[in-house]
Every structure is written in structure tokens, then in C-alpha cells.
Amino acid sequence: MGVRRPAAGVIRDETEERSLVEAAQQDPSRFGDLYEIHFAQVYSFIMRRVGNRAVAEDLTSDAFRKALENLPRYEWRGAPFASWLLRIAANAVNDHSSRSSREASLPEDAPEPTINPDLDTTEDFARLLRLVDELPSSQRLVIFERFVEQKSIREIAQRMGKSEGAVKQLQLRALQSLRTQMEGANA
């Protein structure tokens, strides 16, 4: 895989992103625009989890291939398209971790491992992504922009046309909901 340069265009709003997705659904050759825009984010996400450049490149390629294959079934729900891509990427990392742990051979007298922390972390992250996708659209948008795109409260408030206090409340409610659901799943 060659070195990628940052995408020339950056999606400025939800309408623009939605039109790019719809165009790619009608003509798969237009998926390249979405690939260019989201490549760095998906690759960085995977690289942070696997820590190996060659594996990250392979998994990034797999994630975009799966996204292109499933694009006709993608439904716009108000969440940024990147959240769908990151969920596919998290599943690719999870699948890779599962395959790697099955392929690793242990000495005959070695104790059976009881916990695979990397797999547990990946599964928790995949669960978290599913829970974020279930949040109300305004909370989901705040969480995505704040923690994935790392935008400031002020930037999010301006983009949403809300006060900074309202954005902080949306973030707080979303985080409380996610925490409650994650703790309930781990109990």
C-alpha cells in the first residue's frame, strides 16, 4: 500500500457528506471520494489498536473493501459516515485479534489463557461504537465530533447552532448513558 496524502477535500457539513454517500451508492466508482476523505482517520484508528504498520494497512484495506461491499445497504441515520466506517474497522481489528489468538500455538504444558486483554478491549470498543450509534442524533453527533474529530465545545456549538452550555449538556447526557450501558454490560 502506498503512502497516502491527506484528502484534498474535507467534508464541511452533513448535507455534503450525505450527497457523497448517495452518489457512491448509485455509482461505486464514486466511493473513491469517501475513501480519500476518511482514509487517514480509519488507518490511524486501526494503527493505534494493532501497532503494526503492515497489519494496519491490510486491515484498513479490508475495512474499506467491506464498506464498499456493504454500501448499498448503508442507511443514513444522521450519524457521520465515519462512525459507520470506524465500526467496520473495529470489527476488522476484532476479527484479526480473534484469528491471531487462535493461530498462536502454546507449548503443551502452558496454562490455558483465561483472558485476552487486547480482545476484551477490542470487544468493549466495538460494543461502545454500537451504543454510540443508538444515542439520540444530537448526542451522537456531539460524541463523534468531540472524541473522534477532537473538536472543541465551541466549534461543535457553532456548527450545531447551539450554546456551548447546551453542547456540554448533550455531551454529559451521552457519556452518562454510555457509562451506564457499558457498566451494565460488564456486570
N, C-alpha and C. Protein backbone atom coordinates (compact mmCIF):
# COMPACT_ATOMS: atom_id res chain seq x y z
N MET A 1 0.85 -1.17 0.00
CA MET A 1 0.00 0.00 0.00
C MET A 1 0.89 1.23 0.00
N GLY A 2 0.64 2.15 -0.87
CA GLY A 2 1.47 3.35 -0.97
C GLY A 2 1.15 4.35 0.10
N VAL A 3 2.00 5.33 0.21
CA VAL A 3 1.80 6.38 1.19
C VAL A 3 0.63 7.24 0.74
N ARG A 4 -0.27 7.54 1.65
CA ARG A 4 -1.46 8.32 1.33
C ARG A 4 -1.21 9.78 1.67
N ARG A 5 -1.72 10.63 0.84
CA ARG A 5 -1.67 12.04 1.16
C ARG A 5 -3.05 12.43 1.70
N PRO A 6 -3.12 13.49 2.48
CA PRO A 6 -4.42 13.91 3.00
C PRO A 6 -5.38 14.23 1.86
N ALA A 7 -6.63 13.99 2.09
CA ALA A 7 -7.64 14.26 1.08
C ALA A 7 -7.67 15.75 0.76
N ALA A 8 -7.84 16.02 -0.52
CA ALA A 8 -7.89 17.42 -0.95
C ALA A 8 -9.13 18.10 -0.40
N GLY A 9 -10.24 17.37 -0.40
CA GLY A 9 -11.47 17.96 0.10
C GLY A 9 -11.81 17.43 1.47
N VAL A 10 -12.37 18.28 2.27
CA VAL A 10 -12.82 17.88 3.59
C VAL A 10 -14.31 18.16 3.64
N ILE A 11 -15.05 17.23 4.18
CA ILE A 11 -16.49 17.40 4.26
C ILE A 11 -16.80 18.51 5.26
N ARG A 12 -17.58 19.47 4.81
CA ARG A 12 -17.86 20.62 5.64
C ARG A 12 -19.17 20.47 6.41
N ASP A 13 -20.11 19.71 5.88
CA ASP A 13 -21.37 19.57 6.59
C ASP A 13 -22.04 18.25 6.25
N GLU A 14 -23.10 17.97 6.98
CA GLU A 14 -23.82 16.70 6.85
C GLU A 14 -24.42 16.54 5.46
N THR A 15 -24.92 17.61 4.89
CA THR A 15 -25.54 17.55 3.57
C THR A 15 -24.52 17.13 2.52
N GLU A 16 -23.34 17.71 2.59
CA GLU A 16 -22.28 17.36 1.64
C GLU A 16 -21.89 15.90 1.78
N GLU A 17 -21.74 15.45 3.01
CA GLU A 17 -21.36 14.05 3.25
C GLU A 17 -22.45 13.12 2.74
N ARG A 18 -23.67 13.44 3.04
CA ARG A 18 -24.79 12.60 2.60
C ARG A 18 -24.84 12.50 1.09
N SER A 19 -24.61 13.62 0.40
CA SER A 19 -24.65 13.57 -1.07
C SER A 19 -23.50 12.73 -1.63
N LEU A 20 -22.32 12.77 -0.98
CA LEU A 20 -21.21 11.91 -1.42
C LEU A 20 -21.55 10.44 -1.22
N VAL A 21 -22.17 10.10 -0.10
CA VAL A 21 -22.55 8.72 0.17
C VAL A 21 -23.59 8.26 -0.85
N GLU A 22 -24.60 9.07 -1.09
CA GLU A 22 -25.64 8.71 -2.05
C GLU A 22 -25.08 8.55 -3.46
N ALA A 23 -24.14 9.42 -3.83
CA ALA A 23 -23.51 9.30 -5.15
C ALA A 23 -22.74 7.99 -5.25
N ALA A 24 -22.04 7.62 -4.18
CA ALA A 24 -21.28 6.36 -4.18
C ALA A 24 -22.22 5.15 -4.19
N GLN A 25 -23.38 5.27 -3.58
CA GLN A 25 -24.34 4.18 -3.61
C GLN A 25 -24.88 3.97 -5.03
N GLN A 26 -25.04 5.07 -5.76
CA GLN A 26 -25.53 4.98 -7.13
C GLN A 26 -24.43 4.53 -8.10
N ASP A 27 -23.20 4.99 -7.86
CA ASP A 27 -22.07 4.69 -8.73
C ASP A 27 -20.86 4.34 -7.85
N PRO A 28 -20.57 3.04 -7.68
CA PRO A 28 -19.48 2.62 -6.79
C PRO A 28 -18.12 3.25 -7.11
N SER A 29 -17.94 3.70 -8.33
CA SER A 29 -16.66 4.35 -8.66
C SER A 29 -16.49 5.66 -7.90
N ARG A 30 -17.57 6.23 -7.40
CA ARG A 30 -17.52 7.47 -6.63
C ARG A 30 -17.10 7.24 -5.18
N PHE A 31 -16.97 5.96 -4.76
CA PHE A 31 -16.54 5.64 -3.41
C PHE A 31 -15.14 6.18 -3.13
N GLY A 32 -14.36 6.38 -4.19
CA GLY A 32 -13.00 6.91 -4.03
C GLY A 32 -12.97 8.24 -3.30
N ASP A 33 -14.00 9.07 -3.51
CA ASP A 33 -14.06 10.36 -2.81
C ASP A 33 -14.16 10.15 -1.30
N LEU A 34 -15.02 9.22 -0.89
CA LEU A 34 -15.18 8.91 0.54
C LEU A 34 -13.90 8.28 1.09
N TYR A 35 -13.27 7.43 0.30
CA TYR A 35 -12.02 6.80 0.70
C TYR A 35 -10.95 7.85 0.96
N GLU A 36 -10.80 8.79 0.05
CA GLU A 36 -9.80 9.85 0.19
C GLU A 36 -10.03 10.69 1.45
N ILE A 37 -11.27 10.98 1.72
CA ILE A 37 -11.61 11.83 2.86
C ILE A 37 -11.38 11.10 4.19
N HIS A 38 -11.69 9.81 4.24
CA HIS A 38 -11.69 9.09 5.52
C HIS A 38 -10.50 8.16 5.72
N PHE A 39 -9.63 8.02 4.73
CA PHE A 39 -8.52 7.06 4.84
C PHE A 39 -7.67 7.30 6.08
N ALA A 40 -7.19 8.52 6.27
CA ALA A 40 -6.26 8.80 7.38
C ALA A 40 -6.90 8.49 8.73
N GLN A 41 -8.16 8.82 8.89
CA GLN A 41 -8.85 8.58 10.16
C GLN A 41 -8.99 7.08 10.43
N VAL A 42 -9.39 6.31 9.42
CA VAL A 42 -9.56 4.87 9.61
C VAL A 42 -8.21 4.19 9.83
N TYR A 43 -7.21 4.58 9.05
CA TYR A 43 -5.88 3.98 9.20
C TYR A 43 -5.31 4.28 10.60
N SER A 44 -5.43 5.52 11.05
CA SER A 44 -4.93 5.90 12.38
C SER A 44 -5.64 5.11 13.47
N PHE A 45 -6.94 4.98 13.33
CA PHE A 45 -7.74 4.23 14.30
C PHE A 45 -7.22 2.79 14.41
N ILE A 46 -7.02 2.15 13.28
CA ILE A 46 -6.56 0.76 13.27
C ILE A 46 -5.12 0.67 13.76
N MET A 47 -4.27 1.57 13.31
CA MET A 47 -2.85 1.53 13.70
C MET A 47 -2.69 1.64 15.21
N ARG A 48 -3.49 2.50 15.84
CA ARG A 48 -3.41 2.64 17.30
C ARG A 48 -3.78 1.34 18.01
N ARG A 49 -4.58 0.53 17.39
CA ARG A 49 -5.02 -0.70 18.03
C ARG A 49 -4.12 -1.90 17.75
N VAL A 50 -3.52 -1.95 16.57
CA VAL A 50 -2.70 -3.13 16.25
C VAL A 50 -1.21 -2.88 16.39
N GLY A 51 -0.77 -1.63 16.25
CA GLY A 51 0.63 -1.28 16.46
C GLY A 51 1.60 -1.86 15.44
N ASN A 52 1.10 -2.33 14.32
CA ASN A 52 1.96 -2.91 13.29
C ASN A 52 1.53 -2.33 11.95
N ARG A 53 2.46 -1.67 11.27
CA ARG A 53 2.12 -0.95 10.04
C ARG A 53 1.55 -1.87 8.96
N ALA A 54 2.20 -3.01 8.73
CA ALA A 54 1.73 -3.91 7.67
C ALA A 54 0.33 -4.44 7.98
N VAL A 55 0.10 -4.81 9.22
CA VAL A 55 -1.22 -5.31 9.63
C VAL A 55 -2.25 -4.19 9.51
N ALA A 56 -1.88 -2.99 9.95
CA ALA A 56 -2.80 -1.85 9.87
C ALA A 56 -3.18 -1.55 8.42
N GLU A 57 -2.21 -1.63 7.53
CA GLU A 57 -2.51 -1.39 6.11
C GLU A 57 -3.46 -2.45 5.56
N ASP A 58 -3.21 -3.72 5.91
CA ASP A 58 -4.08 -4.79 5.45
C ASP A 58 -5.49 -4.64 6.01
N LEU A 59 -5.59 -4.33 7.30
CA LEU A 59 -6.91 -4.19 7.92
C LEU A 59 -7.65 -2.96 7.40
N THR A 60 -6.92 -1.89 7.11
CA THR A 60 -7.55 -0.70 6.54
C THR A 60 -8.12 -1.03 5.16
N SER A 61 -7.34 -1.75 4.38
CA SER A 61 -7.80 -2.18 3.06
C SER A 61 -9.04 -3.06 3.19
N ASP A 62 -9.01 -4.00 4.13
CA ASP A 62 -10.17 -4.87 4.35
C ASP A 62 -11.40 -4.07 4.77
N ALA A 63 -11.19 -3.10 5.67
CA ALA A 63 -12.31 -2.30 6.16
C ALA A 63 -12.96 -1.51 5.02
N PHE A 64 -12.17 -0.90 4.16
CA PHE A 64 -12.75 -0.14 3.04
C PHE A 64 -13.37 -1.07 2.01
N ARG A 65 -12.81 -2.27 1.82
CA ARG A 65 -13.40 -3.23 0.89
C ARG A 65 -14.78 -3.64 1.40
N LYS A 66 -14.87 -3.94 2.73
CA LYS A 66 -16.16 -4.31 3.32
C LYS A 66 -17.15 -3.15 3.25
N ALA A 67 -16.66 -1.95 3.47
CA ALA A 67 -17.54 -0.78 3.38
C ALA A 67 -18.11 -0.64 1.97
N LEU A 68 -17.26 -0.80 0.96
CA LEU A 68 -17.72 -0.70 -0.43
C LEU A 68 -18.73 -1.80 -0.73
N GLU A 69 -18.46 -3.03 -0.27
CA GLU A 69 -19.38 -4.14 -0.50
C GLU A 69 -20.74 -3.89 0.15
N ASN A 70 -20.74 -3.27 1.33
CA ASN A 70 -21.98 -3.07 2.08
C ASN A 70 -22.61 -1.71 1.86
N LEU A 71 -21.99 -0.87 1.07
CA LEU A 71 -22.50 0.48 0.84
C LEU A 71 -23.95 0.50 0.34
N PRO A 72 -24.36 -0.41 -0.54
CA PRO A 72 -25.77 -0.36 -0.98
C PRO A 72 -26.76 -0.54 0.17
N ARG A 73 -26.35 -1.22 1.23
CA ARG A 73 -27.24 -1.44 2.37
C ARG A 73 -27.10 -0.37 3.45
N TYR A 74 -26.15 0.56 3.28
CA TYR A 74 -25.95 1.61 4.27
C TYR A 74 -27.17 2.53 4.28
N GLU A 75 -27.65 2.82 5.50
CA GLU A 75 -28.78 3.74 5.65
C GLU A 75 -28.33 4.97 6.42
N TRP A 76 -28.67 6.12 5.93
CA TRP A 76 -28.30 7.38 6.59
C TRP A 76 -29.18 7.54 7.81
N ARG A 77 -28.55 7.68 8.99
CA ARG A 77 -29.30 7.83 10.25
C ARG A 77 -28.90 9.09 10.99
N GLY A 78 -28.23 9.99 10.32
CA GLY A 78 -27.84 11.24 10.96
C GLY A 78 -26.45 11.22 11.56
N ALA A 79 -25.89 10.04 11.76
CA ALA A 79 -24.53 9.93 12.30
C ALA A 79 -23.54 10.14 11.16
N PRO A 80 -22.39 10.67 11.46
CA PRO A 80 -21.39 10.84 10.40
C PRO A 80 -21.04 9.49 9.77
N PHE A 81 -20.78 9.50 8.48
CA PHE A 81 -20.41 8.30 7.74
C PHE A 81 -19.18 7.65 8.36
N ALA A 82 -18.28 8.46 8.91
CA ALA A 82 -17.06 7.93 9.53
C ALA A 82 -17.37 7.00 10.69
N SER A 83 -18.46 7.21 11.40
CA SER A 83 -18.78 6.31 12.52
C SER A 83 -19.10 4.92 12.00
N TRP A 84 -19.75 4.83 10.85
CA TRP A 84 -20.01 3.53 10.22
C TRP A 84 -18.70 2.89 9.79
N LEU A 85 -17.82 3.68 9.18
CA LEU A 85 -16.52 3.15 8.77
C LEU A 85 -15.70 2.68 9.97
N LEU A 86 -15.73 3.43 11.06
CA LEU A 86 -14.97 3.05 12.25
C LEU A 86 -15.53 1.80 12.91
N ARG A 87 -16.83 1.59 12.81
CA ARG A 87 -17.41 0.36 13.34
C ARG A 87 -16.92 -0.83 12.50
N ILE A 88 -16.86 -0.66 11.18
CA ILE A 88 -16.34 -1.72 10.31
C ILE A 88 -14.87 -1.97 10.65
N ALA A 89 -14.11 -0.89 10.87
CA ALA A 89 -12.69 -1.03 11.22
C ALA A 89 -12.53 -1.74 12.56
N ALA A 90 -13.36 -1.41 13.54
CA ALA A 90 -13.28 -2.07 14.84
C ALA A 90 -13.58 -3.56 14.70
N ASN A 91 -14.54 -3.90 13.86
CA ASN A 91 -14.84 -5.31 13.63
C ASN A 91 -13.68 -6.01 12.94
N ALA A 92 -13.01 -5.32 12.02
CA ALA A 92 -11.85 -5.91 11.34
C ALA A 92 -10.73 -6.17 12.34
N VAL A 93 -10.50 -5.23 13.25
CA VAL A 93 -9.47 -5.41 14.29
C VAL A 93 -9.86 -6.56 15.21
N ASN A 94 -11.13 -6.62 15.58
CA ASN A 94 -11.62 -7.69 16.43
C ASN A 94 -11.44 -9.05 15.75
N ASP A 95 -11.81 -9.15 14.49
CA ASP A 95 -11.63 -10.40 13.74
C ASP A 95 -10.16 -10.79 13.67
N HIS A 96 -9.30 -9.80 13.43
CA HIS A 96 -7.86 -10.07 13.36
C HIS A 96 -7.35 -10.58 14.71
N SER A 97 -7.79 -9.96 15.79
CA SER A 97 -7.36 -10.40 17.12
C SER A 97 -7.82 -11.82 17.40
N SER A 98 -9.04 -12.13 17.01
CA SER A 98 -9.56 -13.49 17.21
C SER A 98 -8.76 -14.50 16.42
N ARG A 99 -8.49 -14.18 15.15
CA ARG A 99 -7.69 -15.09 14.30
C ARG A 99 -6.30 -15.27 14.87
N SER A 100 -5.69 -14.16 15.29
CA SER A 100 -4.33 -14.21 15.83
C SER A 100 -4.26 -15.06 17.08
N SER A 101 -5.25 -14.92 17.96
CA SER A 101 -5.21 -15.69 19.20
C SER A 101 -5.46 -17.17 18.93
N ARG A 102 -6.27 -17.51 17.93
CA ARG A 102 -6.50 -18.91 17.58
C ARG A 102 -5.26 -19.52 16.92
N GLU A 103 -4.54 -18.70 16.12
CA GLU A 103 -3.39 -19.20 15.39
C GLU A 103 -2.15 -19.35 16.27
N ALA A 104 -2.11 -18.62 17.36
CA ALA A 104 -0.94 -18.69 18.24
C ALA A 104 -0.91 -20.07 18.90
N SER A 105 0.18 -20.74 18.74
CA SER A 105 0.27 -22.07 19.36
C SER A 105 0.98 -21.94 20.70
N LEU A 106 0.48 -22.68 21.67
CA LEU A 106 1.04 -22.65 23.01
C LEU A 106 1.81 -23.94 23.26
N PRO A 107 2.86 -23.89 24.08
CA PRO A 107 3.51 -25.13 24.47
C PRO A 107 2.50 -26.03 25.18
N GLU A 108 2.70 -27.33 25.08
CA GLU A 108 1.73 -28.27 25.64
C GLU A 108 1.51 -28.09 27.13
N ASP A 109 2.54 -27.72 27.89
CA ASP A 109 2.39 -27.59 29.32
C ASP A 109 2.03 -26.17 29.78
N ALA A 110 1.84 -25.28 28.83
CA ALA A 110 1.48 -23.90 29.20
C ALA A 110 0.04 -23.87 29.68
N PRO A 111 -0.25 -23.05 30.70
CA PRO A 111 -1.63 -22.94 31.16
C PRO A 111 -2.50 -22.28 30.10
N GLU A 112 -3.72 -22.63 30.09
CA GLU A 112 -4.69 -22.06 29.16
C GLU A 112 -4.92 -20.59 29.53
N PRO A 113 -4.78 -19.67 28.60
CA PRO A 113 -5.03 -18.27 28.95
C PRO A 113 -6.51 -18.08 29.26
N THR A 114 -6.79 -17.31 30.29
CA THR A 114 -8.18 -17.09 30.68
C THR A 114 -8.73 -15.78 30.12
N ILE A 115 -7.84 -14.83 29.91
CA ILE A 115 -8.29 -13.52 29.42
C ILE A 115 -7.31 -13.04 28.37
N ASN A 116 -7.84 -12.53 27.28
CA ASN A 116 -7.03 -11.89 26.25
C ASN A 116 -7.35 -10.40 26.33
N PRO A 117 -6.51 -9.60 27.01
CA PRO A 117 -6.86 -8.20 27.22
C PRO A 117 -7.06 -7.43 25.92
N ASP A 118 -6.29 -7.71 24.89
CA ASP A 118 -6.46 -6.98 23.64
C ASP A 118 -7.81 -7.30 23.02
N LEU A 119 -8.21 -8.56 23.07
CA LEU A 119 -9.50 -8.95 22.53
C LEU A 119 -10.63 -8.32 23.35
N ASP A 120 -10.49 -8.34 24.67
CA ASP A 120 -11.50 -7.73 25.53
C ASP A 120 -11.63 -6.25 25.24
N THR A 121 -10.51 -5.57 25.09
CA THR A 121 -10.53 -4.14 24.80
C THR A 121 -11.20 -3.87 23.46
N THR A 122 -10.88 -4.67 22.46
CA THR A 122 -11.46 -4.50 21.13
C THR A 122 -12.96 -4.77 21.18
N GLU A 123 -13.37 -5.81 21.90
CA GLU A 123 -14.80 -6.10 22.01
C GLU A 123 -15.53 -4.99 22.75
N ASP A 124 -14.91 -4.45 23.80
CA ASP A 124 -15.52 -3.32 24.52
C ASP A 124 -15.67 -2.12 23.60
N PHE A 125 -14.65 -1.87 22.78
CA PHE A 125 -14.71 -0.73 21.87
C PHE A 125 -15.81 -0.93 20.83
N ALA A 126 -15.91 -2.14 20.30
CA ALA A 126 -16.96 -2.42 19.31
C ALA A 126 -18.34 -2.24 19.95
N ARG A 127 -18.50 -2.70 21.19
CA ARG A 127 -19.76 -2.51 21.92
C ARG A 127 -20.04 -1.02 22.11
N LEU A 128 -19.01 -0.27 22.47
CA LEU A 128 -19.17 1.17 22.67
C LEU A 128 -19.62 1.84 21.38
N LEU A 129 -19.03 1.46 20.25
CA LEU A 129 -19.44 2.04 18.96
C LEU A 129 -20.91 1.74 18.67
N ARG A 130 -21.35 0.52 18.97
CA ARG A 130 -22.76 0.19 18.76
C ARG A 130 -23.65 1.03 19.66
N LEU A 131 -23.24 1.23 20.91
CA LEU A 131 -24.03 2.05 21.83
C LEU A 131 -24.08 3.51 21.40
N VAL A 132 -22.96 4.03 20.90
CA VAL A 132 -22.94 5.41 20.41
C VAL A 132 -23.92 5.55 19.25
N ASP A 133 -23.97 4.53 18.39
CA ASP A 133 -24.87 4.57 17.25
C ASP A 133 -26.34 4.60 17.68
N GLU A 134 -26.64 4.13 18.89
CA GLU A 134 -28.01 4.10 19.39
C GLU A 134 -28.41 5.38 20.13
N LEU A 135 -27.46 6.27 20.38
CA LEU A 135 -27.76 7.53 21.06
C LEU A 135 -28.67 8.40 20.20
N PRO A 136 -29.41 9.32 20.82
CA PRO A 136 -30.16 10.31 20.02
C PRO A 136 -29.19 11.05 19.09
N SER A 137 -29.67 11.46 17.94
CA SER A 137 -28.79 12.01 16.91
C SER A 137 -27.93 13.19 17.39
N SER A 138 -28.50 14.09 18.19
CA SER A 138 -27.71 15.24 18.64
C SER A 138 -26.60 14.82 19.59
N GLN A 139 -26.87 13.86 20.48
CA GLN A 139 -25.84 13.36 21.38
C GLN A 139 -24.76 12.60 20.60
N ARG A 140 -25.20 11.79 19.64
CA ARG A 140 -24.27 11.02 18.81
C ARG A 140 -23.33 11.96 18.06
N LEU A 141 -23.88 13.03 17.51
CA LEU A 141 -23.08 13.99 16.77
C LEU A 141 -22.05 14.66 17.68
N VAL A 142 -22.46 15.05 18.88
CA VAL A 142 -21.53 15.69 19.82
C VAL A 142 -20.41 14.73 20.19
N ILE A 143 -20.74 13.48 20.50
CA ILE A 143 -19.72 12.50 20.88
C ILE A 143 -18.76 12.27 19.72
N PHE A 144 -19.27 12.13 18.53
CA PHE A 144 -18.41 11.90 17.38
C PHE A 144 -17.47 13.08 17.15
N GLU A 145 -18.03 14.28 17.11
CA GLU A 145 -17.20 15.45 16.83
C GLU A 145 -16.21 15.73 17.97
N ARG A 146 -16.62 15.48 19.19
CA ARG A 146 -15.76 15.79 20.34
C ARG A 146 -14.62 14.78 20.48
N PHE A 147 -14.92 13.49 20.34
CA PHE A 147 -13.93 12.47 20.66
C PHE A 147 -13.29 11.81 19.43
N VAL A 148 -13.95 11.81 18.31
CA VAL A 148 -13.34 11.25 17.10
C VAL A 148 -12.65 12.35 16.32
N GLU A 149 -13.39 13.42 16.04
CA GLU A 149 -12.80 14.53 15.29
C GLU A 149 -12.04 15.50 16.19
N GLN A 150 -12.16 15.34 17.50
CA GLN A 150 -11.47 16.13 18.51
C GLN A 150 -11.69 17.64 18.34
N LYS A 151 -12.95 17.99 18.12
CA LYS A 151 -13.32 19.39 18.00
C LYS A 151 -13.60 19.95 19.39
N SER A 152 -13.45 21.25 19.52
CA SER A 152 -13.73 21.91 20.80
C SER A 152 -15.24 22.07 20.98
N ILE A 153 -15.64 22.30 22.22
CA ILE A 153 -17.05 22.55 22.51
C ILE A 153 -17.54 23.75 21.70
N ARG A 154 -16.71 24.77 21.63
CA ARG A 154 -17.07 25.99 20.88
C ARG A 154 -17.33 25.67 19.41
N GLU A 155 -16.44 24.88 18.78
CA GLU A 155 -16.60 24.53 17.37
C GLU A 155 -17.89 23.74 17.15
N ILE A 156 -18.17 22.81 18.05
CA ILE A 156 -19.38 22.00 17.92
C ILE A 156 -20.61 22.87 18.09
N ALA A 157 -20.58 23.75 19.07
CA ALA A 157 -21.72 24.64 19.32
C ALA A 157 -22.00 25.51 18.09
N GLN A 158 -20.95 26.06 17.49
CA GLN A 158 -21.13 26.88 16.29
C GLN A 158 -21.72 26.07 15.15
N ARG A 159 -21.21 24.86 14.96
CA ARG A 159 -21.68 24.02 13.86
C ARG A 159 -23.14 23.62 14.06
N MET A 160 -23.52 23.35 15.32
CA MET A 160 -24.88 22.91 15.61
C MET A 160 -25.86 24.06 15.81
N GLY A 161 -25.32 25.28 15.95
CA GLY A 161 -26.18 26.43 16.21
C GLY A 161 -26.77 26.40 17.61
N LYS A 162 -26.00 25.88 18.55
CA LYS A 162 -26.43 25.79 19.96
C LYS A 162 -25.43 26.53 20.83
N SER A 163 -25.81 26.75 22.07
CA SER A 163 -24.88 27.38 23.01
C SER A 163 -23.87 26.34 23.47
N GLU A 164 -22.74 26.82 23.99
CA GLU A 164 -21.72 25.90 24.49
C GLU A 164 -22.28 25.10 25.66
N GLY A 165 -23.10 25.72 26.50
CA GLY A 165 -23.72 25.02 27.62
C GLY A 165 -24.61 23.88 27.15
N ALA A 166 -25.36 24.11 26.07
CA ALA A 166 -26.24 23.06 25.53
C ALA A 166 -25.41 21.89 25.02
N VAL A 167 -24.30 22.19 24.37
CA VAL A 167 -23.43 21.13 23.86
C VAL A 167 -22.82 20.35 25.02
N LYS A 168 -22.41 21.06 26.08
CA LYS A 168 -21.86 20.38 27.26
C LYS A 168 -22.91 19.45 27.88
N GLN A 169 -24.15 19.89 27.92
CA GLN A 169 -25.23 19.06 28.47
C GLN A 169 -25.45 17.82 27.60
N LEU A 170 -25.44 17.99 26.27
CA LEU A 170 -25.59 16.85 25.37
C LEU A 170 -24.46 15.85 25.58
N GLN A 171 -23.24 16.37 25.71
CA GLN A 171 -22.08 15.51 25.92
C GLN A 171 -22.21 14.77 27.25
N LEU A 172 -22.59 15.48 28.31
CA LEU A 172 -22.73 14.88 29.63
C LEU A 172 -23.78 13.77 29.62
N ARG A 173 -24.94 14.05 29.04
CA ARG A 173 -26.01 13.04 28.98
C ARG A 173 -25.57 11.82 28.19
N ALA A 174 -24.89 12.06 27.07
CA ALA A 174 -24.43 10.94 26.24
C ALA A 174 -23.41 10.09 27.00
N LEU A 175 -22.46 10.74 27.65
CA LEU A 175 -21.44 9.99 28.39
C LEU A 175 -22.04 9.22 29.56
N GLN A 176 -23.00 9.84 30.25
CA GLN A 176 -23.67 9.14 31.35
C GLN A 176 -24.41 7.91 30.84
N SER A 177 -25.10 8.06 29.73
CA SER A 177 -25.83 6.94 29.13
C SER A 177 -24.88 5.83 28.71
N LEU A 178 -23.79 6.20 28.05
CA LEU A 178 -22.82 5.20 27.61
C LEU A 178 -22.18 4.49 28.80
N ARG A 179 -21.82 5.25 29.83
CA ARG A 179 -21.20 4.66 31.02
C ARG A 179 -22.16 3.65 31.67
N THR A 180 -23.41 4.04 31.83
CA THR A 180 -24.40 3.16 32.45
C THR A 180 -24.56 1.87 31.65
N GLN A 181 -24.66 2.00 30.33
CA GLN A 181 -24.85 0.83 29.49
C GLN A 181 -23.60 -0.06 29.45
N MET A 182 -22.43 0.55 29.43
CA MET A 182 -21.19 -0.25 29.43
C MET A 182 -21.01 -0.97 30.76
N GLU A 183 -21.30 -0.29 31.88
CA GLU A 183 -21.18 -0.93 33.19
C GLU A 183 -22.20 -2.04 33.33
N GLY A 184 -23.40 -1.83 32.80
CA GLY A 184 -24.44 -2.87 32.84
C GLY A 184 -24.05 -4.09 32.03
N ALA A 185 -23.38 -3.88 30.90
CA ALA A 185 -22.95 -4.99 30.04
C ALA A 185 -21.81 -5.76 30.68
N ASN A 186 -20.98 -5.08 31.49
CA ASN A 186 -19.83 -5.72 32.11
C ASN A 186 -20.16 -6.35 33.46
N ALA A 187 -21.38 -6.12 33.94
CA ALA A 187 -21.75 -6.65 35.27
C ALA A 187 -22.10 -8.12 35.21
